[in-house]
Amino acid sequence: MKKPNVIFILADDMSYADIGCYGQTIIKTPHIDQLAAEGMRFTQCYAGASICGPSRCSLMTGKHMGHARIRDNSARLESGTYCESLKQEDLTVAEVMKQAGYTTGLVGKWGIGEPGTEGIPNRKGFDYAVGFWNQIRAHSYYPEYVWKNDQAVLLEGNIGFDMNRLYLHNKAHYLNDQYPNEYDEEGNYIPSGVKDPSLAVNTHDLCTSEALGFIQRHAEEPFFLYLAYQNPHGPLVVPSLAPYTDADFPSQKHKEWAALITRMDTDIGQIMNLLQELGLDENTIVMFGSDNGYSAWGYFGLNQDETVPFFDHRGPFRGGKFSLYEGGLRVPFIARWPGQIPSGTVSEHVWAFWDVLPTFAELAGVKPAGEYDGISFLQALRGKSAPEHDFLYWELGHAQAVRLGNWKAYREHPLQPTQLYDLSKDEGELIDLSADYPEVVCQAEGIMKSARTDSPIFTNPGETSQQELSKRAGLVPNGWSYDSPEHLKWLDDLDRL
C-alpha cells in the first residue's frame, strides 16, 4: 500500500474560535469547516508554546518547553537580541519523514533557523523550502525578498513598501486609526510606497502558489508538505477585503482580520480541489491548526487583557498569546483522512504539538533515533483509545504551567504562589483551588522542577537579570558574525522599522 501523503497547514496567531466549526458566526470559513465535517475536530489540542518560535520548535522537534532548544522568540543581550537556531543534532519531523522515503517541503514561516546557520530548513530535512527563515521578517506580507532554499530571492515589485506605516496602523486603536491601509472602492489593497502597486507580491498568495506547485510536482511519490501560513498574524493587511468590503463591521481592522482568515480558507479550498483533481484525495492526510492562542488584541490597538468583542473568538478561555493560561495555549486542530479518520467526529483527546513527531513516525513506519517528549496520537486520529500523557508542561520566561489530568497548575514566577484550576468544570481558569488541594499543587510544583533542564540561552524560571546576561556573554545577535551579509541586512531591516 502506498504511504499516505501528509499536508500540515499551520495558521499564525489564529484564535480558537475564528473558525465556523469552533463557533464563529461572522468570519466565513467554509473550506476549513468542510475539513472538520469530513474529518476530526479536536477540542483539547495544545500548542507547544504561547508564542510563535517556541511553538514551531516544539512542533518540529517533538520536545516540550522544558527541553526544547528554542523557548522564546529571542533572548535579551546587552548588545541587542539573540535569535537561536536549531542545531545539527536536533531531530525534526522532516528528517523523520525523509527517513521513511518522503519528499519533504516547507512553504511559509520557519522561524527556528536563521539564514546562514545549520538550522535552515534545507539542513533540517526539507528537500524544498521557500519563505521566511526569520520570524520577524514574516511580519511583512510585502517583503523585499524571501528565501528559497539557501538563496534570497528578490521581490522587485515590493521594493519601497512602507512597513513603518503598517506598524503605525497596527498600533492604533481600531476606533481611532490615524494610519489606515488604503483600499480602492472594490476593496483591493493599494500597497503604500511601492513604485507600481500592480507588481507588488503578497507573500500569502505566493505561499499558496508554491504549495500547489509542490503538490503537483510530487504527485507520483509520497510527500510531506508543511505549509506555515502567515495569516492572520499582524500587522493587518490583505490584498482584498472581500467578502467583507461592504459589510457593516465596527472598523476596517475588523474587515482585515476576517478577510485574512477567509482568504486562507479559500486557498485551503484550492489545495483540496487540486488533491481531488490529481486523484490524491483519498490517500492524503490534511491537518490544520494554529501556532498559539488568542492574539487579536495586539492588532486592534488594545491592551493584552482586552478582547475584540465583535467576533467573540477567544473561546471560553482566559488569557492569550504570551500567556500560559488556556487562552494562550489551547488551539483549534482538524485532521482529515478519508477512510481512516472517522468523518464528522469530535475528539476530546488531550495532546500537544510535541506529539506530532512520534505520530508522523508511526504513520510512516519508522522509529525516530533521537530523544523527544511526545506520544503518538495516531490511534486517537482513527477514533480509538490512545495513550495519554502523565502531564503536559510549558514554560515561558519565569512562568510555568502543568496540565495534570483535568488539573491545570500555573505560576508567574517560582517565588509566587501556584494557582490551580479544575478544567473539567472551569475552562476559564477563574476559580483558584490551590488552597483546597495542596497535594495536587505539590505534585505540579514537583513536575515544574523535574520536567525541565536549564537553557543556556533563554530565561530559566527564577533566574536574575544578571544571571541571564552573564550566561549569554559573547553571543552575537541573531547568531551571525557582525560583518556577515545576513546580519548587515538584518540591521538595515531594523533601521527601516
Protein backbone atom coordinates (compact mmCIF):
# COMPACT_ATOMS: atom_id res chain seq x y z
CA MET A 1 0.00 0.00 0.00
CA LYS A 2 1.31 3.44 -0.93
CA LYS A 3 2.23 5.59 2.03
CA PRO A 4 -0.20 8.45 2.61
CA ASN A 5 0.79 11.98 1.69
CA VAL A 6 0.79 14.39 4.63
CA ILE A 7 -0.10 18.09 4.48
CA PHE A 8 0.22 20.02 7.74
CA ILE A 9 -1.22 23.55 7.49
CA LEU A 10 -0.39 25.94 10.32
CA ALA A 11 -2.10 29.31 10.70
CA ASP A 12 -0.26 32.08 12.52
CA ASP A 13 -1.92 33.70 15.56
CA MET A 14 -5.39 32.46 14.65
CA SER A 15 -7.70 32.36 17.65
CA TYR A 16 -9.50 29.27 18.93
CA ALA A 17 -12.93 30.42 17.76
CA ASP A 18 -12.01 32.15 14.49
CA ILE A 19 -13.45 29.17 12.57
CA GLY A 20 -17.10 28.34 11.98
CA CYS A 21 -16.81 24.77 13.26
CA TYR A 22 -15.43 26.16 16.55
CA GLY A 23 -18.35 28.56 16.97
CA GLN A 24 -17.50 31.55 14.78
CA THR A 25 -20.61 33.12 13.21
CA ILE A 26 -19.22 36.18 11.39
CA ILE A 27 -15.96 35.09 9.71
CA LYS A 28 -16.59 32.77 6.77
CA THR A 29 -14.52 29.55 6.77
CA PRO A 30 -16.47 27.06 4.61
CA HIS A 31 -13.47 25.00 3.46
CA ILE A 32 -11.96 24.54 6.91
CA ASP A 33 -15.44 23.71 8.21
CA GLN A 34 -15.70 21.08 5.48
CA LEU A 35 -12.40 19.56 6.64
CA ALA A 36 -13.98 19.17 10.07
CA ALA A 37 -17.21 17.76 8.64
CA GLU A 38 -15.20 15.16 6.71
CA GLY A 39 -12.67 14.52 9.46
CA MET A 40 -11.99 15.01 13.17
CA ARG A 41 -12.06 18.19 15.23
CA PHE A 42 -10.05 18.28 18.46
CA THR A 43 -11.20 20.33 21.44
CA GLN A 44 -8.16 19.77 23.68
CA CYS A 45 -5.19 20.34 21.41
CA TYR A 46 -2.36 22.43 22.87
CA ALA A 47 0.29 24.48 21.12
CA GLY A 48 3.92 23.87 22.01
CA ALA A 49 4.09 27.41 23.44
CA SER A 50 2.03 30.57 23.55
CA ILE A 51 4.28 32.38 21.04
CA CYS A 52 5.48 31.65 17.51
CA GLY A 53 9.09 30.43 17.54
CA PRO A 54 8.98 28.05 20.52
CA SER A 55 5.69 26.56 19.39
CA ARG A 56 7.17 25.78 15.97
CA CYS A 57 10.28 24.33 17.61
CA SER A 58 8.10 22.00 19.69
CA LEU A 59 6.10 21.02 16.63
CA MET A 60 9.19 20.19 14.59
CA THR A 61 11.36 18.54 17.27
CA GLY A 62 8.86 16.71 19.49
CA LYS A 63 10.06 18.42 22.66
CA HIS A 64 8.14 20.49 25.19
CA MET A 65 9.41 23.78 26.58
CA GLY A 66 11.35 22.11 29.36
CA HIS A 67 13.69 20.51 26.82
CA ALA A 68 13.26 22.43 23.55
CA ARG A 69 16.24 24.32 22.18
CA ILE A 70 14.12 27.40 21.37
CA ARG A 71 12.00 28.59 24.31
CA ASP A 72 11.31 32.21 23.39
CA ASN A 73 11.27 34.33 20.25
CA SER A 74 14.59 35.89 21.22
CA ALA A 75 16.97 36.30 24.14
CA ARG A 76 17.94 39.69 25.54
CA LEU A 77 21.62 40.66 25.32
CA GLU A 78 23.36 43.84 26.39
CA SER A 79 24.33 44.26 22.73
CA GLY A 80 20.92 43.50 21.26
CA THR A 81 18.83 40.36 20.89
CA TYR A 82 19.80 36.82 20.02
CA CYS A 83 17.66 34.52 17.88
CA GLU A 84 18.61 30.90 18.48
CA SER A 85 18.58 28.31 15.65
CA LEU A 86 18.16 24.55 15.55
CA LYS A 87 21.41 22.57 15.56
CA GLN A 88 22.54 19.53 13.59
CA GLU A 89 21.67 17.21 16.47
CA ASP A 90 18.06 18.42 16.71
CA LEU A 91 15.85 15.79 15.08
CA THR A 92 12.93 17.23 13.10
CA VAL A 93 9.68 15.88 11.70
CA ALA A 94 11.05 16.50 8.20
CA GLU A 95 14.10 14.33 8.90
CA VAL A 96 11.82 11.56 10.19
CA MET A 97 9.69 11.72 7.04
CA LYS A 98 12.76 11.70 4.78
CA GLN A 99 13.97 8.60 6.59
CA ALA A 100 10.66 6.99 5.65
CA GLY A 101 11.10 7.84 1.96
CA TYR A 102 9.02 11.02 1.75
CA THR A 103 9.83 14.06 -0.37
CA THR A 104 9.61 16.98 2.05
CA GLY A 105 8.65 20.61 1.52
CA LEU A 106 8.27 23.71 3.67
CA VAL A 107 6.35 26.73 2.46
CA GLY A 108 5.96 29.82 4.61
CA LYS A 109 7.21 30.79 8.06
CA TRP A 110 10.05 28.71 9.55
CA GLY A 111 11.21 30.90 12.46
CA ILE A 112 13.59 28.38 14.08
CA GLY A 113 16.75 28.61 11.97
CA GLU A 114 18.41 31.87 10.98
CA PRO A 115 19.92 32.33 7.49
CA GLY A 116 23.49 31.12 7.35
CA THR A 117 23.09 28.67 10.27
CA GLU A 118 22.74 24.90 10.40
CA GLY A 119 19.10 25.42 11.37
CA ILE A 120 17.76 26.50 7.97
CA PRO A 121 15.06 24.16 6.59
CA ASN A 122 17.25 22.54 3.92
CA ARG A 123 19.69 21.45 6.60
CA LYS A 124 16.91 20.12 8.80
CA GLY A 125 15.27 17.64 6.47
CA PHE A 126 13.42 19.66 3.85
CA ASP A 127 14.14 18.93 0.20
CA TYR A 128 12.50 22.16 -0.88
CA ALA A 129 11.79 25.26 1.16
CA VAL A 130 10.57 28.75 0.40
CA GLY A 131 9.51 31.53 2.75
CA PHE A 132 10.78 33.31 5.85
CA TRP A 133 13.57 31.81 7.94
CA ASN A 134 13.49 34.68 10.46
CA GLN A 135 10.05 35.04 12.03
CA ILE A 136 10.14 38.83 12.39
CA ARG A 137 10.58 39.18 8.64
CA ALA A 138 7.33 37.23 8.29
CA HIS A 139 5.52 40.23 9.77
CA SER A 140 5.57 41.80 6.32
CA TYR A 141 3.24 40.48 3.65
CA TYR A 142 5.16 42.58 1.11
CA PRO A 143 8.87 41.97 1.87
CA GLU A 144 11.71 42.81 -0.48
CA TYR A 145 12.83 39.20 -0.55
CA VAL A 146 12.03 35.68 0.58
CA TRP A 147 14.32 32.69 0.95
CA LYS A 148 14.23 29.80 -1.49
CA ASN A 149 16.37 27.03 -0.06
CA ASP A 150 19.65 28.79 0.83
CA GLN A 151 19.24 31.74 -1.56
CA ALA A 152 17.48 35.08 -1.08
CA VAL A 153 15.02 35.77 -3.90
CA LEU A 154 14.29 39.43 -4.61
CA LEU A 155 10.66 40.51 -4.97
CA GLU A 156 11.30 43.64 -7.01
CA GLY A 157 7.68 44.77 -7.02
CA ASN A 158 7.78 45.15 -3.23
CA ILE A 159 10.81 47.46 -3.09
CA GLY A 160 9.93 50.62 -1.20
CA PHE A 161 6.96 49.13 0.66
CA ASP A 162 6.19 51.34 3.67
CA MET A 163 6.47 48.90 6.57
CA ASN A 164 6.64 51.74 9.10
CA ARG A 165 3.15 52.94 8.14
CA LEU A 166 1.88 49.39 8.51
CA TYR A 167 3.22 49.17 12.05
CA LEU A 168 1.66 52.52 12.94
CA HIS A 169 -1.65 51.18 11.61
CA ASN A 170 -1.17 48.08 13.71
CA LYS A 171 -0.62 50.03 16.95
CA ALA A 172 -3.51 52.45 16.54
CA HIS A 173 -6.79 51.81 18.32
CA TYR A 174 -9.32 50.42 15.85
CA LEU A 175 -11.76 53.27 16.56
CA ASN A 176 -9.08 55.96 16.16
CA ASP A 177 -6.80 54.71 13.37
CA GLN A 178 -4.68 57.60 12.03
CA TYR A 179 -2.78 55.41 9.58
CA PRO A 180 -5.35 53.15 7.88
CA ASN A 181 -4.36 50.94 4.98
CA GLU A 182 -5.59 52.24 1.63
CA TYR A 183 -8.06 50.18 -0.39
CA ASP A 184 -9.86 51.12 -3.61
CA GLU A 185 -13.65 51.20 -3.96
CA GLU A 186 -13.75 47.48 -4.68
CA GLY A 187 -11.78 46.69 -1.54
CA ASN A 188 -8.43 45.94 -3.22
CA TYR A 189 -5.32 46.95 -1.29
CA ILE A 190 -3.02 49.69 -2.61
CA PRO A 191 0.48 48.91 -1.23
CA SER A 192 1.99 52.06 0.20
CA GLY A 193 5.44 53.13 -1.03
CA VAL A 194 5.91 50.73 -3.94
CA LYS A 195 6.57 52.06 -7.44
CA ASP A 196 3.88 50.04 -9.20
CA PRO A 197 1.17 48.50 -6.97
CA SER A 198 0.20 46.07 -9.74
CA LEU A 199 3.63 44.41 -9.44
CA ALA A 200 3.55 44.00 -5.64
CA VAL A 201 3.61 40.41 -4.41
CA ASN A 202 1.63 39.34 -1.35
CA THR A 203 3.51 36.51 0.31
CA HIS A 204 0.41 34.65 1.49
CA ASP A 205 -0.63 34.35 -2.14
CA LEU A 206 2.94 33.40 -3.05
CA CYS A 207 2.89 30.62 -0.45
CA THR A 208 -0.36 29.21 -1.81
CA SER A 209 1.11 29.16 -5.31
CA GLU A 210 4.26 27.42 -4.03
CA ALA A 211 2.23 24.85 -2.11
CA LEU A 212 0.12 24.00 -5.15
CA GLY A 213 3.26 23.69 -7.26
CA PHE A 214 4.93 21.37 -4.74
CA ILE A 215 1.90 19.06 -4.70
CA GLN A 216 1.77 18.95 -8.50
CA ARG A 217 5.48 18.19 -8.84
CA HIS A 218 5.39 15.33 -6.35
CA ALA A 219 2.00 13.80 -7.05
CA GLU A 220 3.56 10.47 -8.02
CA GLU A 221 5.53 9.94 -4.80
CA PRO A 222 4.81 10.16 -1.08
CA PHE A 223 5.26 13.75 0.08
CA PHE A 224 5.14 15.72 3.30
CA LEU A 225 4.23 19.40 2.98
CA TYR A 226 4.47 21.75 5.95
CA LEU A 227 2.50 24.84 4.90
CA ALA A 228 3.10 27.50 7.55
CA TYR A 229 0.93 30.45 6.53
CA GLN A 230 1.40 33.99 7.90
CA ASN A 231 -2.33 34.65 8.11
CA PRO A 232 -3.81 36.17 10.18
CA HIS A 233 -0.72 37.44 12.10
CA GLY A 234 -0.47 41.22 12.04
CA PRO A 235 0.23 43.88 11.06
CA LEU A 236 -3.20 43.61 9.49
CA VAL A 237 -3.17 43.95 5.71
CA VAL A 238 -4.76 41.86 2.99
CA PRO A 239 -4.86 42.09 -0.84
CA SER A 240 -8.66 42.32 -0.78
CA LEU A 241 -11.27 43.00 1.88
CA ALA A 242 -13.63 40.62 0.08
CA PRO A 243 -16.09 39.27 1.01
CA TYR A 244 -16.38 41.94 3.71
CA THR A 245 -15.78 45.09 1.61
CA ASP A 246 -19.27 46.45 2.19
CA ALA A 247 -20.02 44.64 5.44
CA ASP A 248 -21.26 46.58 8.45
CA PHE A 249 -18.23 45.98 10.70
CA PRO A 250 -17.05 48.25 13.55
CA SER A 251 -13.84 49.18 11.70
CA GLN A 252 -11.60 48.47 8.75
CA LYS A 253 -9.38 46.39 11.02
CA HIS A 254 -12.27 44.01 11.67
CA LYS A 255 -12.67 43.55 7.93
CA GLU A 256 -8.94 42.93 7.55
CA TRP A 257 -8.84 40.27 10.26
CA ALA A 258 -11.83 38.48 8.81
CA ALA A 259 -10.53 38.77 5.24
CA LEU A 260 -7.12 37.36 6.24
CA ILE A 261 -8.80 34.24 7.60
CA THR A 262 -11.28 33.84 4.77
CA ARG A 263 -8.52 34.29 2.18
CA MET A 264 -6.58 31.48 3.85
CA ASP A 265 -9.72 29.37 3.94
CA THR A 266 -10.29 29.94 0.22
CA ASP A 267 -6.72 28.87 -0.55
CA ILE A 268 -7.14 25.72 1.53
CA GLY A 269 -10.11 25.06 -0.72
CA GLN A 270 -7.78 25.35 -3.72
CA ILE A 271 -5.45 22.77 -2.20
CA MET A 272 -8.31 20.35 -1.55
CA ASN A 273 -9.59 20.78 -5.12
CA LEU A 274 -6.11 20.06 -6.50
CA LEU A 275 -5.85 16.87 -4.44
CA GLN A 276 -9.12 15.69 -5.97
CA GLU A 277 -8.02 16.62 -9.50
CA LEU A 278 -4.78 14.67 -9.08
CA GLY A 279 -6.51 11.66 -7.56
CA LEU A 280 -4.68 12.15 -4.25
CA ASP A 281 -7.64 12.98 -2.05
CA GLU A 282 -8.21 9.51 -0.59
CA ASN A 283 -4.54 8.95 0.25
CA THR A 284 -3.66 12.32 1.75
CA ILE A 285 -3.89 13.35 5.39
CA VAL A 286 -4.66 17.05 5.73
CA MET A 287 -4.19 18.67 9.13
CA PHE A 288 -4.93 22.25 10.12
CA GLY A 289 -4.17 24.17 13.31
CA SER A 290 -2.78 27.39 14.77
CA ASP A 291 0.59 28.06 16.42
CA ASN A 292 -0.77 29.71 19.58
CA GLY A 293 -3.93 31.01 21.13
CA TYR A 294 -5.83 34.30 21.16
CA SER A 295 -3.83 37.25 19.84
CA ALA A 296 -6.20 39.61 18.06
CA TRP A 297 -5.97 42.18 20.87
CA GLY A 298 -2.46 43.03 19.67
CA TYR A 299 -3.61 44.11 16.22
CA PHE A 300 -6.55 46.28 17.24
CA GLY A 301 -4.61 48.71 19.42
CA LEU A 302 -5.84 47.05 22.62
CA ASN A 303 -4.12 46.01 25.83
CA GLN A 304 -3.29 42.36 26.39
CA ASP A 305 -6.17 41.81 28.80
CA GLU A 306 -8.74 43.28 26.40
CA THR A 307 -10.85 41.38 23.88
CA VAL A 308 -12.32 42.15 20.47
CA PRO A 309 -15.99 41.51 21.36
CA PHE A 310 -17.37 41.73 17.81
CA PHE A 311 -16.00 38.32 16.80
CA ASP A 312 -16.22 36.66 20.24
CA HIS A 313 -13.31 34.46 19.18
CA ARG A 314 -11.18 33.95 22.28
CA GLY A 315 -13.28 30.93 23.16
CA PRO A 316 -14.23 30.21 26.79
CA PHE A 317 -10.65 30.73 27.96
CA ARG A 318 -8.65 33.19 30.00
CA GLY A 319 -5.51 34.89 28.67
CA GLY A 320 -4.00 34.80 25.22
CA LYS A 321 -0.73 34.95 23.33
CA PHE A 322 2.31 35.26 25.67
CA SER A 323 0.24 33.75 28.49
CA LEU A 324 0.30 30.18 29.82
CA TYR A 325 -3.38 30.27 30.65
CA GLU A 326 -5.61 28.21 28.34
CA GLY A 327 -6.27 31.21 26.08
CA GLY A 328 -2.63 31.27 25.04
CA LEU A 329 -2.16 27.52 24.65
CA ARG A 330 -5.44 25.89 23.56
CA VAL A 331 -5.68 25.90 19.77
CA PRO A 332 -8.04 24.60 17.09
CA PHE A 333 -6.95 21.46 15.26
CA ILE A 334 -8.61 19.46 12.49
CA ALA A 335 -7.48 16.31 10.70
CA ARG A 336 -8.98 14.68 7.60
CA TRP A 337 -8.08 11.31 6.03
CA PRO A 338 -10.90 9.58 4.15
CA GLY A 339 -11.48 6.03 5.26
CA GLN A 340 -9.03 6.29 8.16
CA ILE A 341 -10.19 9.23 10.29
CA PRO A 342 -13.91 8.97 11.16
CA SER A 343 -15.76 11.81 9.47
CA GLY A 344 -17.68 14.41 11.43
CA THR A 345 -16.20 13.40 14.77
CA VAL A 346 -15.12 15.48 17.75
CA SER A 347 -12.26 14.25 19.93
CA GLU A 348 -11.51 15.29 23.50
CA HIS A 349 -8.15 13.50 23.42
CA VAL A 350 -5.59 15.71 25.21
CA TRP A 351 -2.39 16.18 23.21
CA ALA A 352 0.20 18.83 22.36
CA PHE A 353 2.41 19.83 19.44
CA TRP A 354 5.33 17.74 20.68
CA ASP A 355 3.20 14.68 19.87
CA VAL A 356 3.33 15.35 16.12
CA LEU A 357 6.82 13.91 15.58
CA PRO A 358 6.12 10.45 17.07
CA THR A 359 2.69 10.40 15.41
CA PHE A 360 4.14 11.00 11.97
CA ALA A 361 6.91 8.49 12.68
CA GLU A 362 4.34 5.78 13.50
CA LEU A 363 2.31 6.77 10.46
CA ALA A 364 5.37 6.49 8.21
CA GLY A 365 6.54 3.24 9.80
CA VAL A 366 9.86 4.43 11.22
CA LYS A 367 11.31 4.74 14.71
CA PRO A 368 12.98 8.10 15.43
CA ALA A 369 16.54 7.84 16.69
CA GLY A 370 16.58 10.97 18.82
CA GLU A 371 15.03 11.92 22.14
CA TYR A 372 11.61 13.52 22.30
CA ASP A 373 8.78 14.14 24.77
CA GLY A 374 5.84 13.31 22.54
CA ILE A 375 3.47 10.35 22.40
CA SER A 376 1.83 9.23 19.15
CA PHE A 377 -1.87 10.07 18.88
CA LEU A 378 -2.38 8.09 15.68
CA GLN A 379 -4.93 5.81 17.35
CA ALA A 380 -6.89 8.86 18.51
CA LEU A 381 -6.98 10.03 14.88
CA ARG A 382 -8.55 6.71 13.99
CA GLY A 383 -11.21 7.19 16.66
CA LYS A 384 -9.71 4.66 19.05
CA SER A 385 -8.30 4.84 22.55
CA ALA A 386 -4.79 6.30 22.53
CA PRO A 387 -2.02 6.57 25.14
CA GLU A 388 -2.23 9.69 27.27
CA HIS A 389 0.41 11.87 28.86
CA ASP A 390 1.02 11.73 32.59
CA PHE A 391 1.35 15.51 32.33
CA LEU A 392 1.89 18.38 29.88
CA TYR A 393 4.47 21.06 30.67
CA TRP A 394 5.14 24.59 29.44
CA GLU A 395 7.38 27.47 30.41
CA LEU A 396 7.96 30.96 29.04
CA GLY A 397 10.46 33.13 30.81
CA HIS A 398 9.74 32.75 34.52
CA ALA A 399 6.19 31.46 34.05
CA GLN A 400 5.40 27.74 34.20
CA ALA A 401 2.29 25.65 33.66
CA VAL A 402 1.38 21.98 34.05
CA ARG A 403 -1.68 20.07 32.94
CA LEU A 404 -2.17 17.02 35.14
CA GLY A 405 -5.31 15.12 34.17
CA ASN A 406 -8.06 17.72 34.48
CA TRP A 407 -5.92 19.87 36.76
CA LYS A 408 -4.07 22.92 35.43
CA ALA A 409 -1.38 24.48 37.61
CA TYR A 410 0.16 27.86 36.79
CA ARG A 411 2.59 30.29 38.37
CA GLU A 412 4.10 33.54 37.12
CA HIS A 413 7.43 33.01 38.91
CA PRO A 414 8.90 30.34 41.21
CA LEU A 415 8.70 32.88 44.05
CA GLN A 416 4.98 33.42 43.52
CA PRO A 417 2.19 31.06 44.62
CA THR A 418 0.98 28.34 42.28
CA GLN A 419 -2.60 28.65 41.07
CA LEU A 420 -4.71 25.52 40.49
CA TYR A 421 -7.78 25.07 38.30
CA ASP A 422 -10.11 22.17 37.52
CA LEU A 423 -10.50 22.35 33.74
CA SER A 424 -13.36 19.84 33.73
CA LYS A 425 -15.51 22.45 35.50
CA ASP A 426 -13.62 25.69 34.92
CA GLU A 427 -12.07 26.04 31.45
CA GLY A 428 -11.92 29.77 32.03
CA GLU A 429 -9.48 29.28 34.94
CA LEU A 430 -11.45 31.62 37.17
CA ILE A 431 -11.61 29.66 40.45
CA ASP A 432 -8.25 29.03 42.11
CA LEU A 433 -8.47 25.78 44.10
CA SER A 434 -4.87 25.69 45.30
CA ALA A 435 -5.82 26.14 48.95
CA ASP A 436 -8.23 23.19 48.78
CA TYR A 437 -5.88 20.72 47.07
CA PRO A 438 -2.35 21.32 48.41
CA GLU A 439 -1.31 17.77 47.46
CA VAL A 440 -2.06 18.47 43.77
CA VAL A 441 -0.14 21.75 43.97
CA CYS A 442 2.82 19.92 45.48
CA GLN A 443 2.74 17.34 42.68
CA ALA A 444 2.56 20.04 39.99
CA GLU A 445 5.43 22.01 41.54
CA GLY A 446 7.49 18.84 41.57
CA ILE A 447 6.89 18.49 37.82
CA MET A 448 7.86 22.13 37.31
CA LYS A 449 11.27 21.21 38.73
CA SER A 450 11.79 17.74 37.26
CA ALA A 451 10.33 18.14 33.76
CA ARG A 452 12.95 20.59 32.57
CA THR A 453 16.63 21.29 32.08
CA ASP A 454 18.16 24.74 32.11
CA SER A 455 18.54 26.52 28.80
CA PRO A 456 21.97 28.07 28.12
CA ILE A 457 20.31 30.78 26.02
CA PHE A 458 16.82 31.57 27.20
CA THR A 459 15.46 32.71 30.55
CA ASN A 460 15.11 29.93 33.08
CA PRO A 461 12.37 30.29 35.71
CA GLY A 462 13.75 32.14 38.72
CA GLU A 463 16.96 33.49 37.15
CA THR A 464 18.00 37.04 37.92
CA SER A 465 18.57 39.50 35.10
CA GLN A 466 22.30 39.47 35.80
CA GLN A 467 22.41 35.69 35.61
CA GLU A 468 20.61 35.82 32.29
CA LEU A 469 23.01 38.33 30.78
CA SER A 470 26.11 36.64 32.19
CA LYS A 471 25.37 33.26 30.64
CA ARG A 472 24.89 34.90 27.24
CA ALA A 473 28.15 36.83 27.28
CA GLY A 474 29.89 36.55 23.95
CA LEU A 475 26.79 35.68 21.94
CA VAL A 476 26.20 37.61 18.73
CA PRO A 477 22.69 38.91 18.00
CA ASN A 478 20.83 36.54 15.66
CA GLY A 479 23.66 34.04 15.75
CA TRP A 480 25.58 35.66 12.88
CA SER A 481 29.01 37.26 12.78
CA TYR A 482 28.75 41.02 12.95
CA ASP A 483 30.13 41.51 9.43
CA SER A 484 28.11 38.75 7.77
CA PRO A 485 25.77 39.82 4.92
CA GLU A 486 22.83 38.35 6.83
CA HIS A 487 23.49 40.42 9.93
CA LEU A 488 24.09 43.62 7.97
CA LYS A 489 20.84 43.06 6.10
CA TRP A 490 19.08 42.45 9.43
CA LEU A 491 20.36 45.76 10.78
CA ASP A 492 19.11 47.52 7.65
CA ASP A 493 15.69 46.00 8.15
CA LEU A 494 15.58 47.14 11.76
CA ASP A 495 16.54 50.64 10.71
CA ARG A 496 13.61 50.75 8.29
CA LEU A 497 11.20 49.64 11.02
